[in-house]
PDB file of N, CA and C in Angstrom:
ATOM      1  N   UNK A   1     150.832  -9.696 -27.048  1.00  0.00           N
ATOM      2  CA  UNK A   1     151.975  -8.812 -27.446  1.00  0.00           C
ATOM      3  C   UNK A   1     151.949  -7.467 -26.843  1.00  0.00           C
ATOM      4  N   UNK A   2     152.715  -7.101 -25.836  1.00  0.00           N
ATOM      5  CA  UNK A   2     152.708  -5.774 -25.227  1.00  0.00           C
ATOM      6  C   UNK A   2     153.367  -4.761 -26.398  1.00  0.00           C
ATOM      7  N   UNK A   3     152.510  -3.897 -26.948  1.00  0.00           N
ATOM      8  CA  UNK A   3     152.832  -2.908 -27.849  1.00  0.00           C
ATOM      9  C   UNK A   3     152.707  -1.531 -27.346  1.00  0.00           C
ATOM     10  N   UNK A   4     153.651  -0.655 -27.653  1.00  0.00           N
ATOM     11  CA  UNK A   4     153.314   0.813 -27.373  1.00  0.00           C
ATOM     12  C   UNK A   4     153.583   1.512 -28.616  1.00  0.00           C
ATOM     13  N   UNK A   5     153.002   2.841 -28.622  1.00  0.00           N
ATOM     14  CA  UNK A   5     153.071   3.667 -29.640  1.00  0.00           C
ATOM     15  C   UNK A   5     154.117   4.653 -29.475  1.00  0.00           C
ATOM     16  N   UNK A   6     154.754   5.110 -30.516  1.00  0.00           N
ATOM     17  CA  UNK A   6     155.739   6.138 -30.583  1.00  0.00           C
ATOM     18  C   UNK A   6     155.473   7.138 -31.753  1.00  0.00           C
ATOM     19  N   UNK A   7     155.115   8.346 -31.514  1.00  0.00           N
ATOM     20  CA  UNK A   7     154.878   9.183 -32.580  1.00  0.00           C
ATOM     21  C   UNK A   7     156.275   9.657 -33.185  1.00  0.00           C
ATOM     22  N   UNK A   8     156.197   9.683 -34.522  1.00  0.00           N
ATOM     23  CA  UNK A   8     157.518   9.959 -35.309  1.00  0.00           C
ATOM     24  C   UNK A   8     157.089  11.140 -36.101  1.00  0.00           C
ATOM     25  N   UNK A   9     158.241  12.039 -36.599  1.00  0.00           N
ATOM     26  CA  UNK A   9     157.881  13.178 -37.467  1.00  0.00           C
ATOM     27  C   UNK A   9     157.662  12.679 -39.003  1.00  0.00           C
ATOM     28  N   UNK A  10     157.172  13.234 -39.672  1.00  0.00           N
ATOM     29  CA  UNK A  10     156.915  13.115 -41.094  1.00  0.00           C
ATOM     30  C   UNK A  10     158.116  13.721 -41.794  1.00  0.00           C
ATOM     31  N   UNK A  11     159.183  12.905 -42.039  1.00  0.00           N
ATOM     32  CA  UNK A  11     160.231  13.416 -42.735  1.00  0.00           C
ATOM     33  C   UNK A  11     160.888  12.390 -43.481  1.00  0.00           C
ATOM     34  N   UNK A  12     162.043  12.902 -44.293  1.00  0.00           N
ATOM     35  CA  UNK A  12     162.588  11.810 -45.266  1.00  0.00           C
ATOM     36  C   UNK A  12     163.372  10.705 -44.475  1.00  0.00           C
ATOM     37  N   UNK A  13     163.874  10.933 -43.219  1.00  0.00           N
ATOM     38  CA  UNK A  13     164.558   9.948 -42.607  1.00  0.00           C
ATOM     39  C   UNK A  13     163.484   8.755 -42.235  1.00  0.00           C
ATOM     40  N   UNK A  14     162.281   9.238 -41.681  1.00  0.00           N
ATOM     41  CA  UNK A  14     161.388   8.301 -41.272  1.00  0.00           C
ATOM     42  C   UNK A  14     160.833   7.529 -42.346  1.00  0.00           C
ATOM     43  N   UNK A  15     160.666   8.245 -43.477  1.00  0.00           N
ATOM     44  CA  UNK A  15     159.968   7.640 -44.723  1.00  0.00           C
ATOM     45  C   UNK A  15     161.129   6.625 -45.237  1.00  0.00           C
ATOM     46  N   UNK A  16     162.263   6.885 -45.320  1.00  0.00           N
ATOM     47  CA  UNK A  16     163.401   5.825 -45.552  1.00  0.00           C
ATOM     48  C   UNK A  16     163.407   4.550 -44.688  1.00  0.00           C
ATOM     49  N   UNK A  17     163.308   4.931 -43.415  1.00  0.00           N
ATOM     50  CA  UNK A  17     163.225   3.920 -42.339  1.00  0.00           C
ATOM     51  C   UNK A  17     162.075   2.990 -42.565  1.00  0.00           C
ATOM     52  N   UNK A  18     160.858   3.432 -42.714  1.00  0.00           N
ATOM     53  CA  UNK A  18     159.547   2.706 -42.842  1.00  0.00           C
ATOM     54  C   UNK A  18     159.486   2.174 -44.077  1.00  0.00           C
ATOM     55  N   UNK A  19     160.109   2.664 -45.240  1.00  0.00           N
ATOM     56  CA  UNK A  19     160.159   2.037 -46.697  1.00  0.00           C
ATOM     57  C   UNK A  19     160.957   0.785 -46.461  1.00  0.00           C
ATOM     58  N   UNK A  20     161.928   0.704 -45.629  1.00  0.00           N
ATOM     59  CA  UNK A  20     162.730  -0.507 -45.557  1.00  0.00           C
ATOM     60  C   UNK A  20     162.196  -1.578 -44.895  1.00  0.00           C
ATOM     61  N   UNK A  21     161.247  -1.138 -43.728  1.00  0.00           N
ATOM     62  CA  UNK A  21     160.656  -2.028 -42.897  1.00  0.00           C
ATOM     63  C   UNK A  21     159.395  -2.630 -43.705  1.00  0.00           C
ATOM     64  N   UNK A  22     158.844  -1.836 -44.715  1.00  0.00           N
ATOM     65  CA  UNK A  22     157.616  -2.115 -45.536  1.00  0.00           C
ATOM     66  C   UNK A  22     158.092  -2.499 -46.965  1.00  0.00           C
ATOM     67  N   UNK A  23     159.349  -3.014 -47.093  1.00  0.00           N
ATOM     68  CA  UNK A  23     159.798  -3.271 -48.469  1.00  0.00           C
ATOM     69  C   UNK A  23     158.831  -4.204 -49.304  1.00  0.00           C
ATOM     70  N   UNK A  24     158.080  -5.122 -48.493  1.00  0.00           N
ATOM     71  CA  UNK A  24     157.310  -5.978 -49.247  1.00  0.00           C
ATOM     72  C   UNK A  24     155.845  -5.700 -49.573  1.00  0.00           C
ATOM     73  N   UNK A  25     155.713  -4.186 -49.159  1.00  0.00           N
ATOM     74  CA  UNK A  25     154.223  -3.786 -49.237  1.00  0.00           C
ATOM     75  C   UNK A  25     154.236  -2.489 -49.975  1.00  0.00           C
ATOM     76  N   UNK A  26     154.180  -2.482 -51.319  1.00  0.00           N
ATOM     77  CA  UNK A  26     154.475  -1.509 -52.192  1.00  0.00           C
ATOM     78  C   UNK A  26     153.374  -0.299 -52.007  1.00  0.00           C
ATOM     79  N   UNK A  27     152.206  -0.801 -51.747  1.00  0.00           N
ATOM     80  CA  UNK A  27     150.957   0.300 -51.437  1.00  0.00           C
ATOM     81  C   UNK A  27     151.402   1.072 -50.186  1.00  0.00           C
ATOM     82  N   UNK A  28     151.875   0.574 -49.081  1.00  0.00           N
ATOM     83  CA  UNK A  28     152.120   1.141 -47.974  1.00  0.00           C
ATOM     84  C   UNK A  28     153.357   2.138 -48.132  1.00  0.00           C
ATOM     85  N   UNK A  29     154.330   1.674 -48.931  1.00  0.00           N
ATOM     86  CA  UNK A  29     155.295   2.530 -49.204  1.00  0.00           C
ATOM     87  C   UNK A  29     154.902   3.776 -50.035  1.00  0.00           C
ATOM     88  N   UNK A  30     153.956   3.469 -51.050  1.00  0.00           N
ATOM     89  CA  UNK A  30     153.634   4.607 -51.809  1.00  0.00           C
ATOM     90  C   UNK A  30     152.719   5.679 -51.029  1.00  0.00           C
ATOM     91  N   UNK A  31     152.013   5.238 -50.079  1.00  0.00           N
ATOM     92  CA  UNK A  31     151.114   6.099 -49.252  1.00  0.00           C
ATOM     93  C   UNK A  31     152.036   6.815 -48.360  1.00  0.00           C
ATOM     94  N   UNK A  32     153.015   6.237 -47.871  1.00  0.00           N
ATOM     95  CA  UNK A  32     153.955   6.951 -47.079  1.00  0.00           C
ATOM     96  C   UNK A  32     154.761   8.043 -47.658  1.00  0.00           C
ATOM     97  N   UNK A  33     155.208   7.703 -49.052  1.00  0.00           N
ATOM     98  CA  UNK A  33     155.669   8.747 -49.741  1.00  0.00           C
ATOM     99  C   UNK A  33     154.741   9.883 -49.966  1.00  0.00           C
ATOM    100  N   UNK A  34     153.434   9.575 -50.268  1.00  0.00           N
ATOM    101  CA  UNK A  34     152.537  10.802 -50.440  1.00  0.00           C
ATOM    102  C   UNK A  34     152.490  11.580 -49.143  1.00  0.00           C
ATOM    103  N   UNK A  35     152.395  10.918 -48.092  1.00  0.00           N
ATOM    104  CA  UNK A  35     152.295  11.603 -46.851  1.00  0.00           C
ATOM    105  C   UNK A  35     153.555  12.572 -46.598  1.00  0.00           C
ATOM    106  N   UNK A  36     154.647  11.911 -46.845  1.00  0.00           N
ATOM    107  CA  UNK A  36     155.885  12.679 -46.835  1.00  0.00           C
ATOM    108  C   UNK A  36     155.792  14.048 -47.853  1.00  0.00           C
ATOM    109  N   UNK A  37     155.331  13.825 -48.802  1.00  0.00           N
ATOM    110  CA  UNK A  37     155.334  14.817 -49.906  1.00  0.00           C
ATOM    111  C   UNK A  37     154.639  16.119 -49.518  1.00  0.00           C
ATOM    112  N   UNK A  38     153.341  15.853 -48.713  1.00  0.00           N
ATOM    113  CA  UNK A  38     152.588  16.900 -48.288  1.00  0.00           C
ATOM    114  C   UNK A  38     153.101  17.382 -46.899  1.00  0.00           C
ATOM    115  N   UNK A  39     153.841  16.569 -46.157  1.00  0.00           N
ATOM    116  CA  UNK A  39     154.367  16.981 -44.935  1.00  0.00           C
ATOM    117  C   UNK A  39     153.381  17.009 -43.850  1.00  0.00           C
ATOM    118  N   UNK A  40     151.979  16.698 -44.145  1.00  0.00           N
ATOM    119  CA  UNK A  40     150.898  16.669 -43.133  1.00  0.00           C
ATOM    120  C   UNK A  40     150.907  15.418 -42.269  1.00  0.00           C
ATOM    121  N   UNK A  41     150.167  15.634 -41.116  1.00  0.00           N
ATOM    122  CA  UNK A  41     149.882  14.504 -40.240  1.00  0.00           C
ATOM    123  C   UNK A  41     151.092  14.104 -39.514  1.00  0.00           C
ATOM    124  N   UNK A  42     150.978  12.739 -39.108  1.00  0.00           N
ATOM    125  CA  UNK A  42     152.118  12.050 -38.289  1.00  0.00           C
ATOM    126  C   UNK A  42     152.192  10.764 -38.556  1.00  0.00           C
ATOM    127  N   UNK A  43     153.262  10.054 -38.266  1.00  0.00           N
ATOM    128  CA  UNK A  43     153.515   8.666 -38.239  1.00  0.00           C
ATOM    129  C   UNK A  43     153.416   8.098 -36.940  1.00  0.00           C
ATOM    130  N   UNK A  44     152.779   7.123 -36.485  1.00  0.00           N
ATOM    131  CA  UNK A  44     152.974   6.384 -35.356  1.00  0.00           C
ATOM    132  C   UNK A  44     153.382   5.125 -35.535  1.00  0.00           C
ATOM    133  N   UNK A  45     154.491   4.770 -34.780  1.00  0.00           N
ATOM    134  CA  UNK A  45     155.115   3.426 -34.881  1.00  0.00           C
ATOM    135  C   UNK A  45     154.614   2.528 -33.660  1.00  0.00           C
ATOM    136  N   UNK A  46     154.310   1.341 -34.016  1.00  0.00           N
ATOM    137  CA  UNK A  46     153.916   0.346 -32.895  1.00  0.00           C
ATOM    138  C   UNK A  46     155.058  -0.384 -32.656  1.00  0.00           C
ATOM    139  N   UNK A  47     155.611  -0.366 -31.418  1.00  0.00           N
ATOM    140  CA  UNK A  47     156.790  -0.932 -31.063  1.00  0.00           C
ATOM    141  C   UNK A  47     156.515  -2.008 -30.088  1.00  0.00           C
ATOM    142  N   UNK A  48     157.392  -3.256 -30.539  1.00  0.00           N
ATOM    143  CA  UNK A  48     157.406  -4.351 -29.617  1.00  0.00           C
ATOM    144  C   UNK A  48     158.821  -4.809 -29.579  1.00  0.00           C
ATOM    145  N   UNK A  49     159.341  -5.064 -28.225  1.00  0.00           N
ATOM    146  CA  UNK A  49     160.618  -5.503 -28.079  1.00  0.00           C
ATOM    147  C   UNK A  49     161.635  -4.655 -28.593  1.00  0.00           C
ATOM    148  N   UNK A  50     161.271  -3.239 -28.600  1.00  0.00           N
ATOM    149  CA  UNK A  50     162.399  -2.141 -29.206  1.00  0.00           C
ATOM    150  C   UNK A  50     162.309  -2.089 -30.738  1.00  0.00           C
ATOM    151  N   UNK A  51     161.362  -2.819 -31.395  1.00  0.00           N
ATOM    152  CA  UNK A  51     161.492  -2.789 -32.764  1.00  0.00           C
ATOM    153  C   UNK A  51     159.977  -2.423 -33.221  1.00  0.00           C
ATOM    154  N   UNK A  52     159.951  -1.650 -34.461  1.00  0.00           N
ATOM    155  CA  UNK A  52     158.644  -1.328 -34.862  1.00  0.00           C
ATOM    156  C   UNK A  52     158.126  -2.494 -35.657  1.00  0.00           C
ATOM    157  N   UNK A  53     156.997  -2.785 -35.198  1.00  0.00           N
ATOM    158  CA  UNK A  53     156.195  -3.903 -36.030  1.00  0.00           C
ATOM    159  C   UNK A  53     154.877  -3.414 -36.598  1.00  0.00           C
ATOM    160  N   UNK A  54     154.645  -2.154 -36.566  1.00  0.00           N
ATOM    161  CA  UNK A  54     153.301  -1.617 -37.198  1.00  0.00           C
ATOM    162  C   UNK A  54     153.639  -0.058 -37.457  1.00  0.00           C
ATOM    163  N   UNK A  55     152.911   0.512 -38.360  1.00  0.00           N
ATOM    164  CA  UNK A  55     152.850   1.794 -38.746  1.00  0.00           C
ATOM    165  C   UNK A  55     151.518   2.535 -38.952  1.00  0.00           C
ATOM    166  N   UNK A  56     151.187   3.404 -38.546  1.00  0.00           N
ATOM    167  CA  UNK A  56     149.854   4.034 -38.771  1.00  0.00           C
ATOM    168  C   UNK A  56     150.086   5.568 -39.261  1.00  0.00           C
ATOM    169  N   UNK A  57     149.349   5.873 -40.325  1.00  0.00           N
ATOM    170  CA  UNK A  57     149.596   7.288 -40.873  1.00  0.00           C
ATOM    171  C   UNK A  57     148.228   7.839 -40.381  1.00  0.00           C
ATOM    172  N   UNK A  58     148.384   9.203 -39.741  1.00  0.00           N
ATOM    173  CA  UNK A  58     147.216   9.949 -39.373  1.00  0.00           C
ATOM    174  C   UNK A  58     147.424  11.261 -39.773  1.00  0.00           C
ATOM    175  N   UNK A  59     146.192  11.845 -40.319  1.00  0.00           N
ATOM    176  CA  UNK A  59     146.306  13.368 -40.766  1.00  0.00           C
ATOM    177  C   UNK A  59     145.105  13.964 -40.523  1.00  0.00           C
ATOM    178  N   UNK A  60     145.084  15.243 -40.664  1.00  0.00           N
ATOM    179  CA  UNK A  60     143.721  16.032 -40.693  1.00  0.00           C
ATOM    180  C   UNK A  60     143.213  16.378 -39.174  1.00  0.00           C
ATOM    181  N   UNK A  61     142.296  17.203 -39.271  1.00  0.00           N
ATOM    182  CA  UNK A  61     141.660  17.751 -38.092  1.00  0.00           C
ATOM    183  C   UNK A  61     140.084  17.635 -38.461  1.00  0.00           C
ATOM    184  N   UNK A  62     139.371  16.754 -37.733  1.00  0.00           N
ATOM    185  CA  UNK A  62     139.793  15.774 -36.742  1.00  0.00           C
ATOM    186  C   UNK A  62     140.574  14.845 -37.411  1.00  0.00           C
ATOM    187  N   UNK A  63     141.551  14.251 -36.553  1.00  0.00           N
ATOM    188  CA  UNK A  63     142.411  13.215 -36.830  1.00  0.00           C
ATOM    189  C   UNK A  63     141.827  12.099 -37.677  1.00  0.00           C
ATOM    190  N   UNK A  64     142.209  11.703 -38.823  1.00  0.00           N
ATOM    191  CA  UNK A  64     141.732  10.610 -39.573  1.00  0.00           C
ATOM    192  C   UNK A  64     142.961   9.517 -39.803  1.00  0.00           C
ATOM    193  N   UNK A  65     142.661   8.417 -39.637  1.00  0.00           N
ATOM    194  CA  UNK A  65     143.623   7.181 -39.785  1.00  0.00           C
ATOM    195  C   UNK A  65     143.504   7.168 -41.283  1.00  0.00           C
ATOM    196  N   UNK A  66     144.719   7.138 -41.988  1.00  0.00           N
ATOM    197  CA  UNK A  66     144.814   7.147 -43.377  1.00  0.00           C
ATOM    198  C   UNK A  66     145.283   5.565 -43.761  1.00  0.00           C
ATOM    199  N   UNK A  67     146.141   5.061 -42.894  1.00  0.00           N
ATOM    200  CA  UNK A  67     146.642   3.690 -43.170  1.00  0.00           C
ATOM    201  C   UNK A  67     147.220   3.117 -41.810  1.00  0.00           C
ATOM    202  N   UNK A  68     147.095   1.866 -41.707  1.00  0.00           N
ATOM    203  CA  UNK A  68     147.523   1.035 -40.672  1.00  0.00           C
ATOM    204  C   UNK A  68     148.095  -0.276 -41.258  1.00  0.00           C
ATOM    205  N   UNK A  69     149.502  -0.526 -41.078  1.00  0.00           N
ATOM    206  CA  UNK A  69     150.114  -1.547 -41.657  1.00  0.00           C
ATOM    207  C   UNK A  69     150.763  -2.307 -40.427  1.00  0.00           C
ATOM    208  N   UNK A  70     150.663  -3.638 -40.533  1.00  0.00           N
ATOM    209  CA  UNK A  70     151.372  -4.488 -39.555  1.00  0.00           C
ATOM    210  C   UNK A  70     152.414  -5.288 -40.380  1.00  0.00           C
ATOM    211  N   UNK A  71     153.628  -5.321 -39.740  1.00  0.00           N
ATOM    212  CA  UNK A  71     154.637  -6.225 -40.277  1.00  0.00           C
ATOM    213  C   UNK A  71     154.151  -7.594 -40.516  1.00  0.00           C
ATOM    214  N   UNK A  72     154.408  -8.295 -41.668  1.00  0.00           N
ATOM    215  CA  UNK A  72     153.801  -9.703 -41.800  1.00  0.00           C
ATOM    216  C   UNK A  72     154.270 -10.681 -40.781  1.00  0.00           C
ATOM    217  N   UNK A  73     155.376 -10.562 -40.151  1.00  0.00           N
ATOM    218  CA  UNK A  73     155.852 -11.451 -39.171  1.00  0.00           C
ATOM    219  C   UNK A  73     155.073 -11.381 -37.818  1.00  0.00           C
ATOM    220  N   UNK A  74     154.316 -10.322 -37.608  1.00  0.00           N
ATOM    221  CA  UNK A  74     153.574 -10.125 -36.462  1.00  0.00           C
ATOM    222  C   UNK A  74     152.128 -10.143 -36.612  1.00  0.00           C
ATOM    223  N   UNK A  75     151.693 -10.380 -37.718  1.00  0.00           N
ATOM    224  CA  UNK A  75     150.138 -10.355 -38.162  1.00  0.00           C
ATOM    225  C   UNK A  75     149.546 -11.578 -37.529  1.00  0.00           C
ATOM    226  N   UNK A  76     148.164 -11.465 -37.005  1.00  0.00           N
ATOM    227  CA  UNK A  76     147.562 -12.382 -36.412  1.00  0.00           C
ATOM    228  C   UNK A  76     147.914 -12.583 -34.911  1.00  0.00           C
ATOM    229  N   UNK A  77     148.384 -11.654 -34.355  1.00  0.00           N
ATOM    230  CA  UNK A  77     148.749 -11.625 -32.943  1.00  0.00           C
ATOM    231  C   UNK A  77     148.157 -10.532 -32.085  1.00  0.00           C
ATOM    232  N   UNK A  78     147.310  -9.769 -32.861  1.00  0.00           N
ATOM    233  CA  UNK A  78     146.547  -8.670 -32.070  1.00  0.00           C
ATOM    234  C   UNK A  78     147.270  -7.410 -31.987  1.00  0.00           C
ATOM    235  N   UNK A  79     148.205  -7.252 -33.033  1.00  0.00           N
ATOM    236  CA  UNK A  79     148.965  -5.906 -32.958  1.00  0.00           C
ATOM    237  C   UNK A  79     148.323  -4.808 -33.566  1.00  0.00           C
ATOM    238  N   UNK A  80     147.440  -5.118 -34.659  1.00  0.00           N
ATOM    239  CA  UNK A  80     146.670  -4.155 -35.377  1.00  0.00           C
ATOM    240  C   UNK A  80     145.664  -3.598 -34.241  1.00  0.00           C
ATOM    241  N   UNK A  81     145.091  -4.514 -33.682  1.00  0.00           N
ATOM    242  CA  UNK A  81     144.157  -4.051 -32.732  1.00  0.00           C
ATOM    243  C   UNK A  81     144.615  -3.278 -31.644  1.00  0.00           C
ATOM    244  N   UNK A  82     145.662  -3.664 -31.099  1.00  0.00           N
ATOM    245  CA  UNK A  82     146.250  -2.899 -29.888  1.00  0.00           C
ATOM    246  C   UNK A  82     146.761  -1.495 -30.445  1.00  0.00           C
ATOM    247  N   UNK A  83     147.390  -1.464 -31.493  1.00  0.00           N
ATOM    248  CA  UNK A  83     147.862  -0.016 -32.148  1.00  0.00           C
ATOM    249  C   UNK A  83     146.523   0.810 -32.527  1.00  0.00           C
ATOM    250  N   UNK A  84     145.527   0.228 -32.788  1.00  0.00           N
ATOM    251  CA  UNK A  84     144.261   0.940 -33.060  1.00  0.00           C
ATOM    252  C   UNK A  84     143.622   1.441 -31.800  1.00  0.00           C
ATOM    253  N   UNK A  85     143.633   0.715 -30.675  1.00  0.00           N
ATOM    254  CA  UNK A  85     143.127   1.132 -29.450  1.00  0.00           C
ATOM    255  C   UNK A  85     143.960   2.060 -28.892  1.00  0.00           C
ATOM    256  N   UNK A  86     145.457   1.895 -28.966  1.00  0.00           N
ATOM    257  CA  UNK A  86     146.324   2.976 -28.577  1.00  0.00           C
ATOM    258  C   UNK A  86     146.154   4.424 -29.166  1.00  0.00           C
ATOM    259  N   UNK A  87     146.103   4.266 -30.568  1.00  0.00           N
ATOM    260  CA  UNK A  87     145.815   5.511 -31.376  1.00  0.00           C
ATOM    261  C   UNK A  87     144.578   6.318 -30.974  1.00  0.00           C
ATOM    262  N   UNK A  88     143.541   5.551 -30.769  1.00  0.00           N
ATOM    263  CA  UNK A  88     142.218   6.022 -30.319  1.00  0.00           C
ATOM    264  C   UNK A  88     142.505   6.899 -29.103  1.00  0.00           C
ATOM    265  N   UNK A  89     143.216   6.288 -28.104  1.00  0.00           N
ATOM    266  CA  UNK A  89     143.449   6.901 -26.787  1.00  0.00           C
ATOM    267  C   UNK A  89     144.302   8.166 -27.112  1.00  0.00           C
ATOM    268  N   UNK A  90     145.263   8.067 -27.968  1.00  0.00           N
ATOM    269  CA  UNK A  90     146.222   9.177 -28.100  1.00  0.00           C
ATOM    270  C   UNK A  90     145.514  10.261 -29.061  1.00  0.00           C
ATOM    271  N   UNK A  91     144.551  10.032 -29.807  1.00  0.00           N
ATOM    272  CA  UNK A  91     143.922  10.870 -30.740  1.00  0.00           C
ATOM    273  C   UNK A  91     142.585  10.851 -30.571  1.00  0.00           C
ATOM    274  N   UNK A  92     141.821  11.397 -29.368  1.00  0.00           N
ATOM    275  CA  UNK A  92     140.459  11.306 -29.190  1.00  0.00           C
ATOM    276  C   UNK A  92     139.694  11.798 -30.338  1.00  0.00           C
ATOM    277  N   UNK A  93     138.553  11.043 -30.861  1.00  0.00           N
ATOM    278  CA  UNK A  93     137.840  11.487 -31.810  1.00  0.00           C
ATOM    279  C   UNK A  93     138.434  10.850 -33.255  1.00  0.00           C
ATOM    280  N   UNK A  94     139.360  10.191 -33.201  1.00  0.00           N
ATOM    281  CA  UNK A  94     140.050   9.473 -34.404  1.00  0.00           C
ATOM    282  C   UNK A  94     138.855   9.024 -35.290  1.00  0.00           C
ATOM    283  N   UNK A  95     138.937   9.309 -36.379  1.00  0.00           N
ATOM    284  CA  UNK A  95     138.027   8.722 -37.599  1.00  0.00           C
ATOM    285  C   UNK A  95     138.897   7.572 -38.043  1.00  0.00           C
ATOM    286  N   UNK A  96     138.155   6.462 -37.982  1.00  0.00           N
ATOM    287  CA  UNK A  96     138.649   5.207 -38.566  1.00  0.00           C
ATOM    288  C   UNK A  96     137.864   4.874 -39.745  1.00  0.00           C
ATOM    289  N   UNK A  97     138.703   4.396 -40.784  1.00  0.00           N
ATOM    290  CA  UNK A  97     137.900   4.001 -42.113  1.00  0.00           C
ATOM    291  C   UNK A  97     136.943   2.793 -41.893  1.00  0.00           C
ATOM    292  N   UNK A  98     135.872   2.763 -42.539  1.00  0.00           N
ATOM    293  CA  UNK A  98     134.985   1.658 -42.684  1.00  0.00           C
ATOM    294  C   UNK A  98     135.634   0.393 -42.884  1.00  0.00           C
ATOM    295  N   UNK A  99     136.661   0.330 -43.588  1.00  0.00           N
ATOM    296  CA  UNK A  99     137.375  -0.880 -43.910  1.00  0.00           C
ATOM    297  C   UNK A  99     138.157  -1.510 -42.681  1.00  0.00           C
ATOM    298  N   UNK A 100     138.169  -0.726 -41.513  1.00  0.00           N
ATOM    299  CA  UNK A 100     138.779  -1.243 -40.411  1.00  0.00           C
ATOM    300  C   UNK A 100     137.657  -1.426 -39.097  1.00  0.00           C
ATOM    301  N   UNK A 101     136.398  -1.538 -39.519  1.00  0.00           N
ATOM    302  CA  UNK A 101     135.452  -1.464 -38.450  1.00  0.00           C
ATOM    303  C   UNK A 101     135.487  -2.679 -37.674  1.00  0.00           C
ATOM    304  N   UNK A 102     135.712  -3.890 -38.378  1.00  0.00           N
ATOM    305  CA  UNK A 102     135.863  -5.085 -37.500  1.00  0.00           C
ATOM    306  C   UNK A 102     137.001  -4.972 -36.450  1.00  0.00           C
ATOM    307  N   UNK A 103     138.129  -4.306 -36.940  1.00  0.00           N
ATOM    308  CA  UNK A 103     139.277  -4.230 -36.092  1.00  0.00           C
ATOM    309  C   UNK A 103     138.976  -3.253 -34.912  1.00  0.00           C
ATOM    310  N   UNK A 104     138.212  -2.211 -35.367  1.00  0.00           N
ATOM    311  CA  UNK A 104     137.800  -1.145 -34.415  1.00  0.00           C
ATOM    312  C   UNK A 104     136.974  -1.964 -33.310  1.00  0.00           C
ATOM    313  N   UNK A 105     136.047  -2.717 -33.683  1.00  0.00           N
ATOM    314  CA  UNK A 105     135.174  -3.452 -32.749  1.00  0.00           C
ATOM    315  C   UNK A 105     136.041  -4.299 -31.706  1.00  0.00           C
ATOM    316  N   UNK A 106     136.925  -4.953 -32.417  1.00  0.00           N
ATOM    317  CA  UNK A 106     137.895  -5.737 -31.585  1.00  0.00           C
ATOM    318  C   UNK A 106     138.604  -5.023 -30.547  1.00  0.00           C
ATOM    319  N   UNK A 107     139.052  -3.764 -30.934  1.00  0.00           N
ATOM    320  CA  UNK A 107     139.706  -2.804 -30.098  1.00  0.00           C
ATOM    321  C   UNK A 107     138.903  -2.130 -29.091  1.00  0.00           C
ATOM    322  N   UNK A 108     137.623  -2.387 -29.065  1.00  0.00           N
ATOM    323  CA  UNK A 108     136.638  -1.895 -28.246  1.00  0.00           C
ATOM    324  C   UNK A 108     136.123  -0.546 -28.401  1.00  0.00           C
ATOM    325  N   UNK A 109     136.263  -0.130 -29.630  1.00  0.00           N
ATOM    326  CA  UNK A 109     135.825   1.149 -30.163  1.00  0.00           C
ATOM    327  C   UNK A 109     134.629   1.352 -30.575  1.00  0.00           C
ATOM    328  N   UNK A 110     133.753   0.406 -30.516  1.00  0.00           N
ATOM    329  CA  UNK A 110     132.286   0.350 -30.847  1.00  0.00           C
ATOM    330  C   UNK A 110     132.114   0.721 -32.364  1.00  0.00           C
ATOM    331  N   UNK A 111     131.246   1.829 -32.379  1.00  0.00           N
ATOM    332  CA  UNK A 111     130.999   2.246 -33.902  1.00  0.00           C
ATOM    333  C   UNK A 111     131.964   3.344 -34.222  1.00  0.00           C
ATOM    334  N   UNK A 112     133.210   3.208 -33.976  1.00  0.00           N
ATOM    335  CA  UNK A 112     134.339   4.166 -34.459  1.00  0.00           C
ATOM    336  C   UNK A 112     134.227   4.321 -35.873  1.00  0.00           C
ATOM    337  N   UNK A 113     134.741   5.555 -36.186  1.00  0.00           N
ATOM    338  CA  UNK A 113     134.735   6.014 -37.677  1.00  0.00           C
ATOM    339  C   UNK A 113     133.747   6.556 -38.098  1.00  0.00           C
TER     340      UNK A 113
END
């Protein structure tokens, strides 16, 4: 699946958009709302065929991946791996949470995080 990243601003419009995309994932929506409240960091959309299929929340210096969510319809197709690989290229030194260490290894990021 050829996926590319698109950085989006942290604002109410993007929060509303991704809340609709993530309507079945209450935790993802709540964390997105938290990010919006602080106005910190950025949102990356994983795009496939012109539509968002994944979302990553990144904040801090050094950059820290706070959340990575893949749309249920595209799970199991390598989207999360590709988004993580692209994020690491976009944000050198990206801190990846230990919970994503297997995905980081699949993305070729070795001992990332």
